[in-house]
N, C-alpha and C. Protein backbone atom coordinates (compact mmCIF):
# COMPACT_ATOMS: atom_id res chain seq x y z
N MET A 1 84.21 125.49 88.51
CA MET A 1 85.26 124.53 88.22
C MET A 1 86.42 124.83 87.45
N ASP A 2 87.47 124.35 87.74
CA ASP A 2 88.78 125.24 86.61
C ASP A 2 88.92 124.14 86.21
N GLY A 3 90.20 124.22 85.09
CA GLY A 3 90.75 123.84 83.94
C GLY A 3 91.28 122.26 84.64
N THR A 4 91.72 122.08 85.23
CA THR A 4 91.95 120.75 86.12
C THR A 4 91.11 119.75 85.99
N GLU A 5 89.84 120.45 86.90
CA GLU A 5 88.49 119.15 87.32
C GLU A 5 87.97 119.24 85.84
N THR A 6 87.93 120.30 84.82
CA THR A 6 87.51 120.10 83.60
C THR A 6 87.96 118.86 82.52
N ARG A 7 89.62 118.88 82.65
CA ARG A 7 89.89 117.79 82.45
C ARG A 7 89.73 116.63 82.77
N ALA A 8 90.02 116.35 84.35
CA ALA A 8 89.75 115.07 84.83
C ALA A 8 88.10 114.64 84.75
N ARG A 9 86.98 115.58 84.45
CA ARG A 9 85.70 115.10 84.03
C ARG A 9 85.76 114.66 82.58
N ARG A 10 86.51 115.43 81.83
CA ARG A 10 86.45 115.29 80.31
C ARG A 10 87.13 113.65 80.09
N ALA A 11 88.30 113.33 81.10
CA ALA A 11 89.00 111.67 80.92
C ALA A 11 88.10 111.14 81.53
N ILE A 12 87.24 111.03 82.45
CA ILE A 12 86.31 110.24 82.80
C ILE A 12 85.53 109.69 81.71
N ARG A 13 84.96 110.98 81.29
CA ARG A 13 83.96 110.78 80.21
C ARG A 13 84.34 110.00 78.69
N ARG A 14 85.42 110.65 78.52
CA ARG A 14 86.32 109.91 77.11
C ARG A 14 86.72 107.91 77.45
N SER A 15 86.85 107.96 78.99
CA SER A 15 87.54 106.57 79.17
C SER A 15 86.45 105.59 79.60
N ILE A 16 84.91 106.60 79.85
CA ILE A 16 84.02 105.79 79.52
C ILE A 16 83.48 105.02 77.98
N VAL A 17 83.59 105.84 77.22
CA VAL A 17 83.48 105.71 75.92
C VAL A 17 84.38 104.87 75.39
N ILE A 18 85.87 105.25 75.29
CA ILE A 18 86.69 103.94 75.07
C ILE A 18 86.10 102.12 75.67
N ALA A 19 85.93 102.62 76.93
CA ALA A 19 86.21 100.85 77.62
C ALA A 19 84.46 100.58 76.82
N VAL A 20 83.44 101.15 76.61
CA VAL A 20 82.40 100.63 76.04
C VAL A 20 82.80 100.10 75.09
N VAL A 21 83.29 100.96 73.76
CA VAL A 21 84.22 99.99 72.42
C VAL A 21 84.51 98.93 72.97
N GLY A 22 85.43 99.56 73.57
CA GLY A 22 86.48 97.84 73.62
C GLY A 22 85.42 96.92 74.02
N ALA A 23 84.58 96.98 74.99
CA ALA A 23 83.61 96.18 75.42
C ALA A 23 82.93 95.30 74.16
N VAL A 24 82.45 96.24 73.36
CA VAL A 24 81.79 95.46 72.32
C VAL A 24 82.72 94.79 71.14
N VAL A 25 84.00 95.64 71.05
CA VAL A 25 85.00 94.99 70.08
C VAL A 25 85.27 93.17 71.02
N GLY A 26 85.24 93.49 71.89
CA GLY A 26 86.26 92.24 72.92
C GLY A 26 85.02 91.11 72.93
N GLY A 27 83.67 91.27 73.46
CA GLY A 27 82.52 91.20 73.05
C GLY A 27 82.58 90.25 71.64
N VAL A 28 82.11 90.65 70.60
CA VAL A 28 81.86 90.16 69.55
C VAL A 28 83.18 89.48 68.96
N GLY A 29 84.65 90.01 69.24
CA GLY A 29 85.66 89.27 68.89
C GLY A 29 85.84 87.66 70.07
N SER A 30 85.34 87.40 71.15
CA SER A 30 84.96 86.37 71.58
C SER A 30 84.18 85.58 71.64
N THR A 31 82.92 86.41 70.89
CA THR A 31 82.04 85.88 70.17
C THR A 31 82.27 84.49 68.85
N ILE A 32 82.47 85.31 68.08
CA ILE A 32 83.28 84.84 66.78
C ILE A 32 84.75 83.43 67.26
N GLY A 33 85.39 84.07 68.33
CA GLY A 33 86.23 83.14 68.71
C GLY A 33 85.77 81.67 69.27
N GLY A 34 84.85 81.96 69.72
CA GLY A 34 83.77 80.96 70.73
C GLY A 34 82.98 80.05 69.89
N VAL A 35 82.45 80.13 68.82
CA VAL A 35 81.50 79.47 68.06
C VAL A 35 82.33 78.11 67.62
N ARG A 36 83.26 77.74 67.67
CA ARG A 36 83.39 76.30 67.75
C ARG A 36 83.09 75.58 69.51
N LEU A 37 82.99 75.96 70.18
CA LEU A 37 83.25 75.45 71.82
C LEU A 37 81.96 74.79 71.36
N GLU A 38 81.43 73.95 72.24
CA GLU A 38 80.61 72.88 72.03
C GLU A 38 79.48 73.11 72.78
N LYS A 39 79.66 73.48 74.16
CA LYS A 39 78.60 74.12 75.00
C LYS A 39 78.55 75.95 74.76
N GLY A 40 77.32 75.93 74.95
CA GLY A 40 76.47 77.34 74.98
C GLY A 40 77.36 77.93 75.72
N SER A 41 77.00 77.39 77.28
CA SER A 41 77.33 78.26 78.52
C SER A 41 78.55 78.64 78.39
N ASP A 42 79.85 77.88 77.79
CA ASP A 42 81.25 78.48 77.12
C ASP A 42 81.12 79.41 76.20
N VAL A 43 80.24 79.25 75.41
CA VAL A 43 80.72 80.30 74.68
C VAL A 43 80.26 81.81 75.45
N VAL A 44 79.04 82.01 75.87
CA VAL A 44 78.56 82.80 76.65
C VAL A 44 79.63 83.29 77.85
N LEU A 45 80.26 82.73 78.67
CA LEU A 45 81.22 83.23 79.50
C LEU A 45 82.51 83.32 79.32
N LEU A 46 82.67 83.06 77.63
CA LEU A 46 84.10 83.52 76.69
C LEU A 46 83.90 85.19 76.61
N ALA A 47 82.80 85.00 76.13
CA ALA A 47 82.05 86.20 75.53
C ALA A 47 82.38 87.36 76.35
N ILE A 48 81.39 87.19 77.66
CA ILE A 48 81.61 87.72 78.68
C ILE A 48 83.23 88.13 79.49
N GLY A 49 84.02 87.16 79.65
CA GLY A 49 85.64 87.80 79.75
C GLY A 49 86.05 88.27 78.98
N GLY A 50 86.26 88.20 77.69
CA GLY A 50 86.37 88.70 76.27
C GLY A 50 85.96 90.33 76.45
N THR A 51 84.74 90.21 76.84
CA THR A 51 84.08 91.96 76.82
C THR A 51 84.84 92.76 78.02
N ILE A 52 85.10 92.01 79.02
CA ILE A 52 85.78 92.52 80.58
C ILE A 52 86.94 92.98 80.38
N THR A 53 87.90 91.93 79.54
CA THR A 53 88.99 91.98 79.83
C THR A 53 89.40 93.61 78.67
N VAL A 54 89.24 93.47 77.69
CA VAL A 54 89.35 94.09 76.32
C VAL A 54 89.12 95.82 76.82
N ALA A 55 87.42 95.65 77.69
CA ALA A 55 86.89 96.81 78.57
C ALA A 55 87.97 97.71 79.28
N GLY A 56 88.39 96.33 80.06
CA GLY A 56 89.28 96.85 80.91
C GLY A 56 90.77 97.37 80.41
N LEU A 57 91.50 96.51 80.10
CA LEU A 57 92.55 96.97 78.95
C LEU A 57 92.25 98.78 78.54
N VAL A 58 91.13 98.84 77.69
CA VAL A 58 91.33 100.18 76.98
C VAL A 58 91.41 101.32 77.72
N GLY A 59 89.85 100.91 78.78
CA GLY A 59 89.86 102.27 79.65
C GLY A 59 90.51 102.39 80.56
N LEU A 60 91.85 101.13 80.90
CA LEU A 60 92.72 101.25 82.23
C LEU A 60 93.84 102.44 81.23
N VAL A 61 94.26 101.79 80.13
CA VAL A 61 95.29 103.00 79.54
C VAL A 61 94.84 104.09 79.02
N SER A 62 93.26 104.95 79.10
CA SER A 62 93.15 105.70 78.97
C SER A 62 93.04 106.89 80.21
N VAL A 63 92.75 106.10 81.61
CA VAL A 63 92.92 106.45 82.69
C VAL A 63 94.22 107.02 82.98
N PHE A 64 95.23 105.86 82.57
CA PHE A 64 96.36 106.13 82.99
C PHE A 64 97.11 107.00 82.78
N LEU A 65 96.57 107.57 81.07
CA LEU A 65 97.43 108.40 80.34
C LEU A 65 97.14 109.69 80.91
N THR A 66 95.77 109.51 81.38
CA THR A 66 94.85 111.12 82.12
C THR A 66 96.22 111.20 83.64
N LEU A 67 96.37 110.28 84.18
CA LEU A 67 96.64 110.44 85.71
C LEU A 67 98.13 110.81 85.84
N ILE A 68 98.79 110.35 84.67
CA ILE A 68 99.86 110.73 84.51
C ILE A 68 100.07 112.14 84.52
N ASP A 69 98.88 112.86 83.76
CA ASP A 69 99.24 113.98 84.03
C ASP A 69 98.96 114.98 84.66
N LEU A 70 97.83 114.04 85.68
CA LEU A 70 97.05 115.23 86.99
C LEU A 70 98.02 114.79 87.94
N MET A 71 98.63 113.87 88.12
CA MET A 71 99.66 113.66 89.79
C MET A 71 99.93 114.68 90.39
N PRO A 72 100.98 115.90 89.77
CA PRO A 72 101.31 116.72 89.97
C PRO A 72 100.34 117.53 90.95
N GLU A 73 99.23 117.55 90.62
CA GLU A 73 97.86 117.94 91.31
C GLU A 73 98.22 117.58 93.02
N LEU A 74 98.16 116.24 93.02
CA LEU A 74 97.89 115.64 94.33
C LEU A 74 99.91 115.65 94.74
N GLN A 75 100.51 115.61 94.42
CA GLN A 75 101.76 115.25 95.14
C GLN A 75 102.59 116.67 95.27
N SER A 76 102.35 117.62 94.38
CA SER A 76 102.82 119.06 94.76
C SER A 76 102.74 119.76 95.62
N PRO A 77 101.14 119.90 96.34
CA PRO A 77 101.54 120.61 98.05
C PRO A 77 102.04 119.81 99.10
N VAL A 78 102.55 118.61 98.74
CA VAL A 78 103.21 117.95 99.74
C VAL A 78 104.58 117.71 99.59
N GLU A 79 105.20 118.36 98.82
CA GLU A 79 106.64 118.02 97.75
C GLU A 79 107.21 119.01 99.31
N GLY A 80 108.92 118.36 99.44
CA GLY A 80 109.25 119.11 100.74
C GLY A 80 108.79 118.83 102.55
N LEU A 81 107.83 117.92 102.50
CA LEU A 81 107.17 117.87 104.07
C LEU A 81 107.80 116.62 104.24
N ASP A 82 108.03 116.40 105.40
CA ASP A 82 108.49 114.85 105.84
C ASP A 82 107.47 114.51 106.10
N ARG A 83 107.38 112.91 106.94
CA ARG A 83 106.08 111.77 106.37
C ARG A 83 105.02 112.37 107.65
N SER A 84 106.07 112.91 108.86
CA SER A 84 104.96 113.55 110.23
C SER A 84 103.66 114.86 109.71
N GLN A 85 104.67 115.35 108.58
CA GLN A 85 104.08 116.61 108.19
C GLN A 85 102.97 116.19 107.16
N ARG A 86 103.21 115.45 106.19
CA ARG A 86 102.23 114.80 105.32
C ARG A 86 101.21 114.45 105.99
N ARG A 87 101.37 113.78 107.19
CA ARG A 87 99.98 112.59 107.82
C ARG A 87 99.58 113.52 108.47
N GLU A 88 100.19 115.03 108.51
CA GLU A 88 99.17 115.96 109.71
C GLU A 88 98.58 116.33 108.99
N ILE A 89 98.78 116.51 107.45
CA ILE A 89 98.40 117.01 106.50
C ILE A 89 96.78 116.60 106.14
N ASP A 90 97.39 115.44 106.00
CA ASP A 90 96.17 114.51 105.17
C ASP A 90 95.17 113.91 106.41
N ARG A 91 95.25 114.34 107.83
CA ARG A 91 94.70 113.99 109.13
C ARG A 91 93.77 115.33 109.11
N THR A 92 94.10 116.32 109.26
CA THR A 92 93.40 117.51 109.01
C THR A 92 92.03 117.37 108.18
N ILE A 93 92.64 117.19 107.04
CA ILE A 93 91.68 116.84 105.63
C ILE A 93 90.87 115.98 105.83
N ARG A 94 91.01 114.78 106.49
CA ARG A 94 89.90 113.47 106.86
C ARG A 94 89.44 114.17 107.76
N GLU A 95 89.73 115.29 108.86
CA GLU A 95 88.61 115.14 109.81
C GLU A 95 88.17 116.47 109.59
N GLY A 96 88.43 117.38 108.26
CA GLY A 96 87.41 118.11 107.77
C GLY A 96 87.28 120.14 108.79
N ARG A 97 88.42 120.25 109.66
CA ARG A 97 89.44 120.58 109.89
C ARG A 97 90.53 121.65 109.77
N PRO A 98 90.19 122.86 109.55
CA PRO A 98 91.39 123.49 108.49
C PRO A 98 92.31 123.86 109.02
N ILE A 99 93.32 124.57 108.52
CA ILE A 99 94.42 124.69 109.25
C ILE A 99 94.29 126.39 109.59
N VAL A 100 94.52 126.73 111.08
CA VAL A 100 94.81 128.06 110.93
C VAL A 100 96.21 128.64 111.18
N PRO A 101 96.32 130.15 111.09
CA PRO A 101 95.64 130.58 110.51
C PRO A 101 95.51 130.84 109.37
N ASP A 102 94.50 131.13 108.37
CA ASP A 102 94.08 130.56 107.33
C ASP A 102 95.29 131.15 106.35
N GLY A 103 95.73 131.89 105.90
CA GLY A 103 96.76 132.40 105.25
C GLY A 103 98.48 131.76 105.19
N SER A 104 98.54 130.96 105.79
CA SER A 104 99.66 130.29 105.99
C SER A 104 99.68 128.94 105.03
N GLU A 105 101.69 128.81 105.09
CA GLU A 105 101.54 127.91 104.19
C GLU A 105 101.21 126.30 104.25
N ALA A 106 100.77 126.25 105.04
CA ALA A 106 100.51 124.85 105.56
C ALA A 106 98.85 124.64 105.60
N ALA A 107 98.37 125.91 105.63
CA ALA A 107 96.74 126.39 105.19
C ALA A 107 96.63 125.67 103.77
N ARG A 108 97.28 126.64 103.16
CA ARG A 108 97.43 126.45 101.60
C ARG A 108 97.87 125.20 100.55
N ARG A 109 99.03 124.26 101.23
CA ARG A 109 98.96 123.16 101.28
C ARG A 109 97.81 122.16 101.69
N ALA A 110 97.83 122.09 102.74
CA ALA A 110 96.55 121.51 103.03
C ALA A 110 95.43 121.99 101.79
N PHE A 111 94.66 123.20 101.65
CA PHE A 111 93.81 122.82 100.47
C PHE A 111 94.22 122.52 99.35
N ASP A 112 95.35 122.63 98.75
CA ASP A 112 96.02 122.39 97.26
C ASP A 112 95.52 120.89 97.52
N ARG A 113 96.04 119.83 99.01
CA ARG A 113 95.96 118.49 98.57
C ARG A 113 94.50 118.09 98.65
N ALA A 114 94.02 118.40 99.50
CA ALA A 114 92.25 118.19 99.71
C ALA A 114 91.77 118.40 97.89
N ARG A 115 91.90 119.64 97.52
CA ARG A 115 91.83 119.63 96.17
C ARG A 115 92.13 118.85 95.17
N GLY A 116 93.33 118.46 95.17
CA GLY A 116 94.40 117.45 94.52
C GLY A 116 93.34 116.31 94.68
N THR A 117 93.10 116.02 95.82
CA THR A 117 92.56 114.52 95.68
C THR A 117 90.96 113.99 95.46
N ALA A 118 90.30 115.73 95.60
CA ALA A 118 89.44 115.39 94.97
C ALA A 118 89.17 115.41 93.42
N ILE A 119 90.06 115.96 93.04
CA ILE A 119 90.33 115.37 91.52
C ILE A 119 90.76 114.05 91.49
N VAL A 120 91.73 113.95 91.59
CA VAL A 120 92.92 112.39 91.54
C VAL A 120 91.80 110.98 91.92
N LEU A 121 91.83 111.36 93.37
CA LEU A 121 91.11 110.27 94.20
C LEU A 121 90.06 109.72 92.78
N PRO A 122 88.78 109.59 92.11
CA PRO A 122 88.11 108.68 91.54
C PRO A 122 88.59 108.20 90.36
N LEU A 123 89.77 109.21 90.01
CA LEU A 123 90.51 108.48 88.60
C LEU A 123 91.30 107.27 88.83
N GLN A 124 91.95 107.54 90.48
CA GLN A 124 92.65 106.16 90.34
C GLN A 124 91.50 105.05 90.94
N THR A 125 90.17 105.19 91.51
CA THR A 125 89.24 104.50 91.49
C THR A 125 89.06 103.82 90.24
N ALA A 126 89.09 104.66 89.49
CA ALA A 126 88.37 104.17 88.59
C ALA A 126 89.55 103.19 87.23
N GLN A 127 90.64 103.44 87.40
CA GLN A 127 91.87 103.00 87.61
C GLN A 127 92.00 101.45 88.05
N LEU A 128 91.54 101.55 89.32
CA LEU A 128 91.56 100.11 89.94
C LEU A 128 91.18 99.07 89.77
N VAL A 129 89.19 99.79 89.01
CA VAL A 129 88.45 99.12 88.88
C VAL A 129 88.76 98.02 87.81
N LEU A 130 89.15 99.28 86.47
CA LEU A 130 89.29 98.79 85.08
C LEU A 130 90.91 97.82 85.25
N LEU A 131 91.40 97.59 86.63
CA LEU A 131 92.59 96.86 86.28
C LEU A 131 92.31 95.61 86.84
N TYR A 132 91.46 95.75 87.15
CA TYR A 132 90.54 94.69 88.22
C TYR A 132 89.75 94.09 87.22
N CYS A 133 89.20 94.65 85.87
CA CYS A 133 88.66 94.11 85.11
C CYS A 133 89.07 92.70 84.48
N LEU A 134 90.22 93.95 83.85
CA LEU A 134 91.13 93.13 83.02
C LEU A 134 92.19 92.41 83.97
N ILE A 135 91.95 91.88 85.08
CA ILE A 135 92.59 90.39 85.43
C ILE A 135 91.68 89.47 85.78
N ALA A 136 90.47 90.08 86.04
CA ALA A 136 89.44 88.70 85.81
C ALA A 136 88.91 88.66 84.79
N GLY A 137 88.74 89.32 83.96
CA GLY A 137 88.39 89.11 82.66
C GLY A 137 89.03 87.23 81.80
N PRO A 138 90.06 87.48 82.36
CA PRO A 138 90.30 85.70 81.39
C PRO A 138 89.88 84.82 82.73
N GLN A 139 89.69 85.30 84.01
CA GLN A 139 89.24 83.65 84.46
C GLN A 139 87.72 83.81 84.31
N ILE A 140 86.79 84.50 83.98
CA ILE A 140 85.53 84.20 83.68
C ILE A 140 85.56 82.48 83.22
N PRO A 141 85.61 82.64 81.81
CA PRO A 141 85.49 81.34 80.84
C PRO A 141 86.12 80.27 81.63
N ARG A 142 86.79 80.55 83.06
CA ARG A 142 87.45 79.17 83.69
C ARG A 142 86.65 78.41 84.43
N LEU A 143 85.71 79.27 84.78
CA LEU A 143 84.47 79.15 85.83
C LEU A 143 83.77 77.72 85.59
N THR A 144 84.44 77.16 84.65
CA THR A 144 83.33 76.03 83.97
C THR A 144 84.49 74.93 83.32
N SER A 145 85.60 75.16 83.83
CA SER A 145 86.67 74.26 83.48
C SER A 145 86.84 72.78 83.96
N GLY A 146 86.89 71.79 83.58
CA GLY A 146 86.74 70.87 83.92
C GLY A 146 88.09 70.21 84.54
N GLU A 147 89.08 70.89 84.82
CA GLU A 147 90.22 71.07 85.78
C GLU A 147 89.28 71.52 86.94
N PRO A 148 89.56 70.78 87.86
CA PRO A 148 89.20 71.22 89.58
C PRO A 148 89.88 72.45 89.71
N TRP A 149 91.70 72.73 90.21
CA TRP A 149 92.46 73.51 90.35
C TRP A 149 92.09 74.72 89.89
N GLN A 150 91.76 74.54 88.27
CA GLN A 150 91.38 75.71 87.66
C GLN A 150 89.68 76.73 88.06
N TRP A 151 88.94 75.30 88.59
CA TRP A 151 87.45 75.69 88.72
C TRP A 151 87.81 76.55 90.02
N TRP A 152 88.10 75.57 91.22
CA TRP A 152 88.44 76.70 92.17
C TRP A 152 89.12 77.77 92.28
N PHE A 153 90.51 78.02 91.77
CA PHE A 153 91.48 78.91 91.53
C PHE A 153 90.61 80.16 90.74
N SER A 154 89.57 80.04 89.99
CA SER A 154 88.98 81.08 89.27
C SER A 154 87.83 81.58 90.12
N ARG A 155 87.22 80.80 90.99
CA ARG A 155 86.10 81.64 91.68
C ARG A 155 86.60 82.25 93.12
N ILE A 156 88.05 81.64 93.47
CA ILE A 156 88.40 82.04 95.05
C ILE A 156 88.72 83.29 94.15
N PHE A 157 89.51 83.60 93.24
CA PHE A 157 90.21 84.77 92.82
C PHE A 157 89.56 85.95 92.26
N LEU A 158 88.41 85.28 91.51
CA LEU A 158 86.87 86.20 91.27
C LEU A 158 86.38 87.11 92.70
N VAL A 159 86.20 85.91 93.78
CA VAL A 159 85.52 86.62 95.07
C VAL A 159 86.48 87.52 95.66
N VAL A 160 87.86 87.09 95.58
CA VAL A 160 88.78 88.26 96.05
C VAL A 160 88.60 89.60 95.67
N LEU A 161 88.83 89.45 94.35
CA LEU A 161 88.74 90.93 93.68
C LEU A 161 87.40 91.58 93.91
N ILE A 162 85.95 91.09 93.80
CA ILE A 162 85.11 91.60 94.51
C ILE A 162 85.17 92.27 95.78
N CYS A 163 85.63 91.32 96.65
CA CYS A 163 85.56 91.64 97.85
C CYS A 163 86.48 93.39 97.99
N VAL A 164 87.42 93.05 97.19
CA VAL A 164 88.86 94.30 97.74
C VAL A 164 88.08 95.31 96.85
N ILE A 165 87.05 95.47 95.65
CA ILE A 165 86.69 96.64 95.21
C ILE A 165 85.31 97.27 95.74
N VAL A 166 84.76 96.25 96.79
CA VAL A 166 83.51 96.46 97.51
C VAL A 166 83.98 97.09 98.81
N TRP A 167 85.32 97.11 98.98
CA TRP A 167 85.86 97.32 100.54
C TRP A 167 86.44 99.03 99.51
N PHE A 168 86.73 99.21 98.88
CA PHE A 168 87.88 100.41 98.35
C PHE A 168 86.22 101.15 98.07
N MET A 169 85.58 100.92 97.19
CA MET A 169 84.54 102.20 96.60
C MET A 169 84.43 103.33 97.78
N PRO A 170 83.49 101.96 98.99
CA PRO A 170 83.29 103.07 99.80
C PRO A 170 84.34 103.90 100.41
N HIS A 171 85.29 103.01 101.07
CA HIS A 171 86.77 103.95 101.11
C HIS A 171 86.80 105.46 100.40
N ALA A 172 87.10 105.39 98.87
CA ALA A 172 87.61 105.81 98.71
C ALA A 172 86.44 107.10 98.50
N ARG A 173 85.15 107.11 98.24
CA ARG A 173 84.09 107.63 98.22
C ARG A 173 84.36 108.67 99.67
N ARG A 174 84.47 107.92 100.53
CA ARG A 174 84.56 108.69 101.97
C ARG A 174 85.84 109.77 101.71
N ARG A 175 86.65 109.40 101.03
CA ARG A 175 88.02 110.17 101.07
C ARG A 175 87.57 111.70 100.32
N VAL A 176 87.47 111.23 99.09
CA VAL A 176 86.67 112.16 98.27
C VAL A 176 85.62 113.14 99.22
N ALA A 177 85.01 112.56 99.55
CA ALA A 177 83.96 114.02 100.53
C ALA A 177 84.46 114.61 101.62
N ALA A 178 85.36 113.76 101.96
CA ALA A 178 86.21 114.68 103.19
C ALA A 178 86.85 115.60 102.67
N ALA A 179 87.42 115.14 101.77
CA ALA A 179 88.75 116.51 100.72
C ALA A 179 87.59 117.50 100.38
N ARG A 180 86.31 117.31 100.04
CA ARG A 180 85.59 118.34 99.58
C ARG A 180 85.05 119.37 100.78
N ARG A 181 84.51 118.67 101.69
CA ARG A 181 84.19 119.45 102.97
C ARG A 181 84.99 120.11 103.61
N TYR A 182 86.73 119.88 103.36
CA TYR A 182 87.84 120.39 104.03
C TYR A 182 87.96 122.02 103.08
N MET A 183 87.91 121.61 101.89
CA MET A 183 87.69 122.70 100.96
C MET A 183 86.58 123.58 101.26
N GLN A 184 85.22 123.22 101.40
CA GLN A 184 84.47 124.15 101.78
C GLN A 184 84.45 124.73 103.18
N ALA A 185 85.10 124.16 104.53
CA ALA A 185 85.20 124.74 105.65
C ALA A 185 86.15 125.59 105.67
N ALA A 186 87.22 125.12 104.74
CA ALA A 186 88.43 126.26 104.38
C ALA A 186 88.01 127.36 103.47
N ASP A 187 86.97 127.31 103.00
CA ASP A 187 86.42 128.72 102.05
C ASP A 187 85.74 129.50 103.04
N GLU A 188 84.94 128.61 103.80
CA GLU A 188 84.29 129.60 104.99
C GLU A 188 84.81 130.38 106.17
N SER A 189 85.39 129.59 106.66
CA SER A 189 86.52 130.06 107.44
C SER A 189 87.43 131.42 107.03
N VAL A 190 87.67 131.57 105.68
CA VAL A 190 88.21 132.67 104.43
C VAL A 190 87.30 133.93 104.85
N ARG A 191 86.51 133.18 104.54
CA ARG A 191 85.12 134.30 104.46
C ARG A 191 84.61 135.35 105.82
N ALA A 192 85.34 134.31 106.94
CA ALA A 192 84.94 134.65 108.06
C ALA A 192 85.54 135.66 108.55
């Protein structure tokens, strides 16, 4: 494991700790702020919404700062290439078919792109989930709103966010797995 992967893993662990601390602060603050509410369910939903919102915000900031530092790992291998060449490199990575000959510039670029994808895409996925938590948190207390439009809007909005995350998570996992398979296949073709 090289220094970039170590930084990415450290960033994920740090973001989890920061998000948990933010969740505790958000939950406690929302509960204290919701004491004046009449129904207990409103206090619970307010606490859940505050927990998710603050955790999403502080976790998002932590992941974003790390991504700014790591984005060159993903972008630099395809700098100077036109769109069709970038698509070709991304397609060979998805298919796990190493570029021949092994020592060519295209093969090196594809390996570096696969390595960058395997490092950066999990952080981008975490960033998306945290962003959706930040967006969804304020909608949770509105689930029991007396206003019909707020009631419907919050439910539909939360369902859409959940559907996007449910679709994106396996998609991102497949791309990371494909990038790792490509790197392994490229290593094996070099050794052969």
